């Protein structure tokens, strides 16, 4: 794989300056800025968490350890150069200070040619601690999320397994956008999910477990509906390739942890199929006509997180069992009545319908015997030889 220092997209822009609305000098400034950076990984055993780049939280100074060929430019002992400007972290500065005083911190220094300013970013690895138990997470509602190529279908599922509230769709249109723009849209969508989960008192976010979605072979008597050839096959592969499965999973895990939320991965087998079969019609009738099959799949995901089965419980009727046109499941058989002796009572035989004329398929009655006729019996006819 080719690696271009500064970015392959920016390198190709050099040959299309008019389309990018850039001059040669402007492109050169961006190219140099992308190649001007300083990065140093953190070290837990060093002062302020880093040996190469150090930042003092109280005094606000930053120092850089110069390499041996540039040691003569140092203005501090031991070949270090202290910047003449003050360095501060407006976003989460107290967390950076606490980490620098107790652990390792990574620093990245970069230049922005549009604003003409240098920026310093910090990052570190947090201690995940003891993970919460699944039973503790199941005591509160969970936010079930179904990831699709253009939106996120979400629904809050309480511990009883029945969806609460209304379905939510978060748009996620990332096709044909740059990587930075896609990452920003993904972060915004995940922030919306985190706010929704905190508002409804959820402790966890449930989603499909990756890696188990594809089937090795079709079921007996069933054919795989996924197109594999031709225009429909190319469109399907392009659509499936545009779903940010790994990026969404990683970003959600990181951002949910910062909000005090956990992530529950459930079995993805037949979530969409059973959602449409058992939940789509009742949810449209009882909750919202705007419910889609993706929302029904999210309900199945949310039911599997607390340990419920995907199908609806037997014997559940519609919104009004007197006037409902359909039932969720077949009615349970009623108990048979018993007579005075405790034995099951046999149902009375229904009388046969009366017909004025005999049906055409009815067999002809046999000839009536002479002794059944009125009057004296007739003399027998002697047999002749």
Protein backbone atom coordinates (compact mmCIF):
# COMPACT_ATOMS: atom_id res chain seq x y z
CA UNK A 1 0.00 0.00 0.00
CA UNK A 2 1.41 3.39 -1.02
CA UNK A 3 1.84 5.98 1.75
CA UNK A 4 1.98 9.66 0.84
CA UNK A 5 3.32 11.96 3.54
CA UNK A 6 0.80 14.78 3.56
CA UNK A 7 -2.14 12.86 2.09
CA UNK A 8 -2.86 11.34 -1.32
CA UNK A 9 -5.94 13.53 -1.82
CA UNK A 10 -3.91 16.70 -1.39
CA UNK A 11 -1.21 15.35 -3.70
CA UNK A 12 -3.78 14.75 -6.48
CA UNK A 13 -5.18 18.22 -5.97
CA UNK A 14 -1.90 19.63 -7.30
CA UNK A 15 -2.95 18.57 -10.81
CA UNK A 16 -6.46 20.09 -10.49
CA UNK A 17 -5.90 23.48 -8.87
CA UNK A 18 -8.71 25.18 -10.80
CA UNK A 19 -11.29 22.60 -9.72
CA UNK A 20 -10.11 22.92 -6.10
CA UNK A 21 -10.12 26.76 -6.34
CA UNK A 22 -6.51 26.96 -5.16
CA UNK A 23 -3.42 28.74 -6.35
CA UNK A 24 -0.04 27.13 -6.52
CA UNK A 25 1.15 29.14 -3.51
CA UNK A 26 -1.94 28.20 -1.50
CA UNK A 27 -1.51 24.55 -2.35
CA UNK A 28 2.19 24.71 -1.40
CA UNK A 29 1.29 26.21 1.99
CA UNK A 30 -1.16 23.40 2.69
CA UNK A 31 1.34 20.80 1.54
CA UNK A 32 4.03 22.09 3.87
CA UNK A 33 1.58 22.38 6.75
CA UNK A 34 0.51 18.76 6.39
CA UNK A 35 4.15 17.67 6.57
CA UNK A 36 5.01 19.95 9.54
CA UNK A 37 4.12 18.03 12.69
CA UNK A 38 5.75 16.74 15.85
CA UNK A 39 4.47 13.69 17.67
CA UNK A 40 5.70 11.99 20.84
CA UNK A 41 4.16 9.03 22.62
CA UNK A 42 3.73 9.20 26.37
CA UNK A 43 5.85 7.46 29.00
CA UNK A 44 4.42 6.72 32.41
CA UNK A 45 7.78 6.77 34.23
CA UNK A 46 8.85 10.23 33.01
CA UNK A 47 8.18 13.68 34.40
CA UNK A 48 4.81 15.10 33.21
CA UNK A 49 4.13 11.91 31.30
CA UNK A 50 6.44 12.50 28.32
CA UNK A 51 10.18 12.68 27.79
CA UNK A 52 10.20 14.38 24.35
CA UNK A 53 7.38 16.91 24.80
CA UNK A 54 6.48 18.25 28.23
CA UNK A 55 3.68 20.55 29.31
CA UNK A 56 3.37 22.05 32.79
CA UNK A 57 -0.29 22.42 33.85
CA UNK A 58 0.32 25.09 36.47
CA UNK A 59 2.82 27.36 34.67
CA UNK A 60 1.57 26.67 31.13
CA UNK A 61 4.98 26.24 29.45
CA UNK A 62 5.83 23.55 26.88
CA UNK A 63 9.29 22.11 26.16
CA UNK A 64 10.63 19.97 23.31
CA UNK A 65 13.64 17.67 23.49
CA UNK A 66 15.82 18.57 20.48
CA UNK A 67 17.76 15.92 18.55
CA UNK A 68 21.56 15.91 18.74
CA UNK A 69 22.15 17.89 15.45
CA UNK A 70 19.92 20.71 16.80
CA UNK A 71 21.15 20.67 20.41
CA UNK A 72 22.92 24.01 19.93
CA UNK A 73 19.51 25.72 19.54
CA UNK A 74 18.36 24.70 23.01
CA UNK A 75 17.51 27.45 25.50
CA UNK A 76 17.10 25.10 28.48
CA UNK A 77 19.47 22.55 30.07
CA UNK A 78 19.82 19.00 28.73
CA UNK A 79 19.16 20.02 25.13
CA UNK A 80 15.57 21.18 25.64
CA UNK A 81 13.82 24.08 23.94
CA UNK A 82 11.02 25.94 25.76
CA UNK A 83 8.43 27.71 23.65
CA UNK A 84 8.09 31.44 24.16
CA UNK A 85 4.26 31.31 24.15
CA UNK A 86 1.85 29.94 26.71
CA UNK A 87 0.08 26.65 25.96
CA UNK A 88 -3.40 25.86 27.29
CA UNK A 89 -6.12 23.28 26.68
CA UNK A 90 -9.56 24.94 26.67
CA UNK A 91 -11.35 21.62 26.19
CA UNK A 92 -11.02 19.17 29.11
CA UNK A 93 -7.94 20.96 30.39
CA UNK A 94 -8.43 19.68 33.95
CA UNK A 95 -8.37 16.08 32.71
CA UNK A 96 -5.17 16.73 30.75
CA UNK A 97 -3.56 18.23 33.85
CA UNK A 98 -4.57 15.30 36.03
CA UNK A 99 -3.25 12.80 33.49
CA UNK A 100 0.05 14.66 33.00
CA UNK A 101 0.66 14.62 36.75
CA UNK A 102 -0.09 10.92 37.19
CA UNK A 103 0.40 9.05 33.89
CA UNK A 104 1.55 9.02 30.28
CA UNK A 105 0.32 11.62 27.78
CA UNK A 106 0.84 11.77 24.01
CA UNK A 107 1.22 15.19 22.34
CA UNK A 108 0.74 16.16 18.68
CA UNK A 109 1.85 19.58 17.43
CA UNK A 110 0.51 20.67 14.01
CA UNK A 111 0.17 23.87 11.96
CA UNK A 112 -3.01 25.30 10.38
CA UNK A 113 -2.13 27.48 7.34
CA UNK A 114 -5.65 28.91 7.02
CA UNK A 115 -5.52 30.46 10.49
CA UNK A 116 -1.75 30.74 10.75
CA UNK A 117 -1.66 29.10 14.17
CA UNK A 118 0.03 26.13 15.79
CA UNK A 119 -2.07 23.63 17.72
CA UNK A 120 -1.14 21.11 20.39
CA UNK A 121 -3.34 18.04 20.97
CA UNK A 122 -3.10 15.57 23.84
CA UNK A 123 -4.33 12.01 24.13
CA UNK A 124 -3.99 9.19 26.61
CA UNK A 125 -5.30 5.75 27.42
CA UNK A 126 -7.79 5.56 30.25
CA UNK A 127 -8.14 2.71 32.70
CA UNK A 128 -11.40 0.91 31.88
CA UNK A 129 -11.67 -0.42 35.41
CA UNK A 130 -13.97 -3.24 36.37
CA UNK A 131 -16.67 -3.68 33.71
CA UNK A 132 -20.27 -3.67 34.97
CA UNK A 133 -22.17 -6.92 35.06
CA UNK A 134 -24.84 -7.68 32.48
CA UNK A 135 -27.44 -8.25 35.20
CA UNK A 136 -26.83 -4.74 36.53
CA UNK A 137 -27.21 -3.26 33.05
CA UNK A 138 -30.46 -5.16 32.46
CA UNK A 139 -32.13 -3.51 35.46
CA UNK A 140 -32.57 -0.29 33.46
CA UNK A 141 -33.77 0.39 29.90
CA UNK A 142 -31.40 -0.08 26.99
CA UNK A 143 -31.14 1.91 23.78
CA UNK A 144 -31.31 -0.49 20.84
CA UNK A 145 -29.65 0.71 17.62
CA UNK A 146 -29.84 -0.76 14.12
CA UNK A 147 -27.07 0.51 11.82
CA UNK A 148 -27.95 1.16 8.15
CA UNK A 149 -26.20 2.79 5.21
CA UNK A 150 -28.09 6.12 5.49
CA UNK A 151 -29.50 6.31 9.03
CA UNK A 152 -29.55 4.84 12.53
CA UNK A 153 -32.83 3.31 13.71
CA UNK A 154 -33.12 3.46 17.51
CA UNK A 155 -35.72 2.55 20.10
CA UNK A 156 -35.72 2.49 23.91
CA UNK A 157 -36.55 -0.98 25.28
CA UNK A 158 -37.33 -1.31 29.04
CA UNK A 159 -36.43 -4.46 31.01
CA UNK A 160 -39.84 -6.02 30.27
CA UNK A 161 -38.96 -6.18 26.55
CA UNK A 162 -41.76 -3.95 25.20
CA UNK A 163 -40.59 -0.83 23.31
CA UNK A 164 -41.30 2.47 25.06
CA UNK A 165 -41.87 5.85 23.48
CA UNK A 166 -41.61 6.53 19.76
CA UNK A 167 -39.04 5.30 17.23
CA UNK A 168 -36.10 7.55 16.41
CA UNK A 169 -34.19 7.85 13.13
CA UNK A 170 -30.80 9.58 13.08
CA UNK A 171 -29.66 10.51 9.53
CA UNK A 172 -26.21 9.29 8.53
CA UNK A 173 -25.59 10.20 4.88
CA UNK A 174 -21.85 9.71 4.34
CA UNK A 175 -21.63 8.49 0.74
CA UNK A 176 -19.09 10.41 -1.38
CA UNK A 177 -17.83 12.61 1.50
CA UNK A 178 -14.23 13.07 2.66
CA UNK A 179 -12.94 11.03 5.56
CA UNK A 180 -12.89 13.99 7.96
CA UNK A 181 -16.48 14.89 7.08
CA UNK A 182 -17.62 11.29 7.52
CA UNK A 183 -15.94 11.10 10.91
CA UNK A 184 -17.66 14.31 11.99
CA UNK A 185 -21.09 13.05 10.94
CA UNK A 186 -20.48 9.77 12.73
CA UNK A 187 -19.49 11.56 15.92
CA UNK A 188 -22.57 13.79 15.74
CA UNK A 189 -24.88 10.79 15.28
CA UNK A 190 -23.30 8.95 18.22
CA UNK A 191 -23.61 12.09 20.38
CA UNK A 192 -27.33 12.15 19.57
CA UNK A 193 -27.64 8.52 20.68
CA UNK A 194 -25.76 9.20 23.91
CA UNK A 195 -28.00 12.15 24.76
CA UNK A 196 -31.07 10.05 24.05
CA UNK A 197 -29.80 7.23 26.26
CA UNK A 198 -29.03 9.58 29.15
CA UNK A 199 -32.44 11.27 28.82
CA UNK A 200 -34.30 7.97 29.16
CA UNK A 201 -32.15 6.66 32.00
CA UNK A 202 -30.38 3.93 30.02
CA UNK A 203 -27.23 2.29 31.23
CA UNK A 204 -26.24 0.59 27.98
CA UNK A 205 -26.56 0.77 24.21
CA UNK A 206 -27.39 -2.48 22.40
CA UNK A 207 -26.28 -3.22 18.84
CA UNK A 208 -25.57 -6.20 16.63
CA UNK A 209 -22.44 -8.19 17.25
CA UNK A 210 -20.14 -7.86 14.21
CA UNK A 211 -18.76 -10.85 12.38
CA UNK A 212 -21.82 -13.12 12.68
CA UNK A 213 -24.09 -11.54 10.11
CA UNK A 214 -23.06 -13.46 7.03
CA UNK A 215 -24.35 -16.97 6.54
CA UNK A 216 -22.21 -19.84 5.37
CA UNK A 217 -25.04 -21.34 3.35
CA UNK A 218 -28.71 -20.80 2.77
CA UNK A 219 -31.31 -22.66 4.77
CA UNK A 220 -32.77 -25.83 3.26
CA UNK A 221 -35.46 -24.91 0.78
CA UNK A 222 -34.51 -21.23 0.88
CA UNK A 223 -32.41 -19.21 -1.51
CA UNK A 224 -30.14 -16.36 -0.53
CA UNK A 225 -31.79 -13.09 -1.53
CA UNK A 226 -28.53 -11.19 -1.76
CA UNK A 227 -27.67 -10.40 -5.39
CA UNK A 228 -24.18 -11.44 -6.42
CA UNK A 229 -23.92 -10.66 -10.13
CA UNK A 230 -24.68 -7.90 -12.54
CA UNK A 231 -25.80 -4.37 -11.78
CA UNK A 232 -27.81 -5.38 -8.72
CA UNK A 233 -24.81 -7.23 -7.31
CA UNK A 234 -22.51 -4.24 -7.74
CA UNK A 235 -25.09 -1.93 -6.17
CA UNK A 236 -25.50 -4.26 -3.21
CA UNK A 237 -21.75 -4.52 -2.60
CA UNK A 238 -21.39 -0.75 -2.87
CA UNK A 239 -24.24 -0.32 -0.41
CA UNK A 240 -22.86 -2.87 2.06
CA UNK A 241 -19.35 -1.42 1.76
CA UNK A 242 -20.62 2.05 2.66
CA UNK A 243 -21.94 0.97 6.07
CA UNK A 244 -19.34 2.10 8.66
CA UNK A 245 -19.62 -1.00 10.82
CA UNK A 246 -16.15 -1.02 12.39
CA UNK A 247 -15.89 2.76 12.68
CA UNK A 248 -19.31 3.03 14.29
CA UNK A 249 -18.53 0.26 16.77
CA UNK A 250 -15.20 1.78 17.84
CA UNK A 251 -16.51 5.35 18.07
CA UNK A 252 -19.59 4.26 19.98
CA UNK A 253 -17.52 2.30 22.49
CA UNK A 254 -15.21 5.24 23.13
CA UNK A 255 -17.86 7.97 23.29
CA UNK A 256 -20.30 5.87 25.32
CA UNK A 257 -17.59 5.15 27.89
CA UNK A 258 -16.98 8.87 28.32
CA UNK A 259 -20.68 9.31 29.07
CA UNK A 260 -20.79 6.46 31.58
CA UNK A 261 -22.60 4.08 29.22
CA UNK A 262 -21.81 0.50 28.28
CA UNK A 263 -22.24 -1.34 24.98
CA UNK A 264 -24.03 -4.71 24.74
CA UNK A 265 -23.44 -6.74 21.57
CA UNK A 266 -26.21 -9.23 20.76
CA UNK A 267 -26.58 -12.05 18.25
CA UNK A 268 -27.57 -10.55 14.86
CA UNK A 269 -29.23 -13.72 13.52
CA UNK A 270 -32.58 -12.96 11.83
CA UNK A 271 -33.10 -9.63 13.61
CA UNK A 272 -34.51 -7.95 10.50
CA UNK A 273 -36.56 -11.00 9.45
CA UNK A 274 -38.22 -11.58 12.80
CA UNK A 275 -38.64 -7.86 13.39
CA UNK A 276 -40.73 -7.52 10.23
CA UNK A 277 -42.63 -10.74 10.87
CA UNK A 278 -43.56 -10.31 14.54
CA UNK A 279 -43.25 -6.60 15.39
CA UNK A 280 -43.71 -4.36 12.36
CA UNK A 281 -47.50 -4.60 11.99
CA UNK A 282 -48.34 -4.27 15.74
CA UNK A 283 -45.98 -1.32 16.17
CA UNK A 284 -47.49 0.47 13.19
CA UNK A 285 -51.01 -0.04 14.54
CA UNK A 286 -50.34 0.76 18.19
CA UNK A 287 -47.35 3.15 18.29
CA UNK A 288 -46.54 5.03 15.07
CA UNK A 289 -47.42 4.57 11.38
CA UNK A 290 -43.89 5.78 10.55
CA UNK A 291 -42.34 2.62 12.00
CA UNK A 292 -40.09 0.85 9.51
CA UNK A 293 -38.56 -2.59 9.35
CA UNK A 294 -35.29 -1.16 10.70
CA UNK A 295 -37.09 0.07 13.82
CA UNK A 296 -38.62 -3.39 14.24
CA UNK A 297 -35.13 -4.89 13.97
CA UNK A 298 -33.96 -2.47 16.68
CA UNK A 299 -36.76 -3.77 18.93
CA UNK A 300 -35.52 -7.34 18.43
CA UNK A 301 -31.99 -6.20 19.28
CA UNK A 302 -33.28 -4.45 22.41
CA UNK A 303 -35.21 -7.56 23.50
CA UNK A 304 -32.16 -9.78 23.16
CA UNK A 305 -30.07 -7.49 25.34
CA UNK A 306 -32.13 -8.19 28.53
CA UNK A 307 -32.37 -11.87 27.58
CA UNK A 308 -35.87 -11.99 26.05
CA UNK A 309 -36.72 -13.98 22.95
CA UNK A 310 -37.17 -12.15 19.66
CA UNK A 311 -40.75 -13.29 19.01
CA UNK A 312 -43.77 -11.85 20.77
CA UNK A 313 -45.28 -13.69 23.69
CA UNK A 314 -48.11 -16.09 22.88
CA UNK A 315 -51.65 -14.94 23.69
CA UNK A 316 -51.01 -11.18 23.26
CA UNK A 317 -53.95 -9.53 21.53
CA UNK A 318 -54.16 -6.38 19.46
CA UNK A 319 -54.79 -2.83 20.64
CA UNK A 320 -58.53 -3.57 21.17
CA UNK A 321 -59.40 -7.24 21.06
CA UNK A 322 -63.07 -6.44 20.40
CA UNK A 323 -62.53 -4.52 17.18
CA UNK A 324 -58.97 -5.43 16.22
CA UNK A 325 -58.71 -6.92 12.76
CA UNK A 326 -55.77 -9.09 13.58
CA UNK A 327 -54.26 -10.84 16.54
CA UNK A 328 -50.57 -10.89 17.41
CA UNK A 329 -50.61 -14.68 17.78
CA UNK A 330 -53.29 -17.43 17.59
CA UNK A 331 -55.63 -17.50 20.57
CA UNK A 332 -54.70 -19.98 23.29
CA UNK A 333 -57.03 -23.01 23.49
CA UNK A 334 -59.71 -22.67 26.19
CA UNK A 335 -60.28 -25.32 28.81
CA UNK A 336 -63.01 -27.90 28.18
CA UNK A 337 -66.09 -27.83 30.40
CA UNK A 338 -66.85 -30.70 32.76
CA UNK A 339 -70.12 -32.31 33.81
CA UNK A 340 -71.39 -32.89 37.37
CA UNK A 341 -69.19 -35.96 37.79
CA UNK A 342 -66.02 -34.09 36.77
CA UNK A 343 -65.71 -35.82 33.44
CA UNK A 344 -65.08 -33.73 30.31
CA UNK A 345 -68.38 -32.83 28.76
CA UNK A 346 -68.82 -33.89 25.17
CA UNK A 347 -69.99 -31.27 22.79
CA UNK A 348 -73.53 -31.76 21.53
CA UNK A 349 -73.78 -32.99 18.00
CA UNK A 350 -75.11 -30.32 15.75
CA UNK A 351 -78.28 -31.33 13.82
CA UNK A 352 -77.82 -31.89 10.15
CA UNK A 353 -79.18 -29.15 7.92
CA UNK A 354 -82.64 -29.87 6.52
CA UNK A 355 -83.09 -29.93 2.75
CA UNK A 356 -86.36 -29.80 0.88
CA UNK A 357 -84.87 -32.03 -1.78
CA UNK A 358 -82.24 -34.69 -1.44
CA UNK A 359 -78.77 -33.68 -2.66
CA UNK A 360 -77.63 -35.18 -5.94
CA UNK A 361 -74.81 -37.17 -4.37
CA UNK A 362 -77.08 -38.79 -1.76
CA UNK A 363 -77.37 -42.59 -2.29
CA UNK A 364 -80.77 -43.96 -3.29
CA UNK A 365 -82.58 -45.73 -0.42
CA UNK A 366 -83.10 -49.51 -0.83
CA UNK A 367 -86.45 -51.03 -1.77
CA UNK A 368 -88.91 -51.32 1.10
CA UNK A 369 -89.78 -54.83 2.27
CA UNK A 370 -93.36 -56.09 1.82
CA UNK A 371 -93.88 -56.64 5.53
CA UNK A 372 -93.23 -52.94 6.16
CA UNK A 373 -96.17 -51.94 3.97
CA UNK A 374 -99.62 -51.32 5.44
CA UNK A 375 -102.19 -54.10 5.15
CA UNK A 376 -101.91 -57.91 5.29
CA UNK A 377 -98.73 -59.57 4.11
CA UNK A 378 -98.74 -60.70 0.53
CA UNK A 379 -98.55 -64.36 -0.42
CA UNK A 380 -95.11 -65.47 -1.42
CA UNK A 381 -94.64 -66.06 -5.07
CA UNK A 382 -93.72 -69.69 -5.79
CA UNK A 383 -90.44 -70.25 -7.53
CA UNK A 384 -90.57 -71.71 -10.98
CA UNK A 385 -88.14 -74.18 -12.32
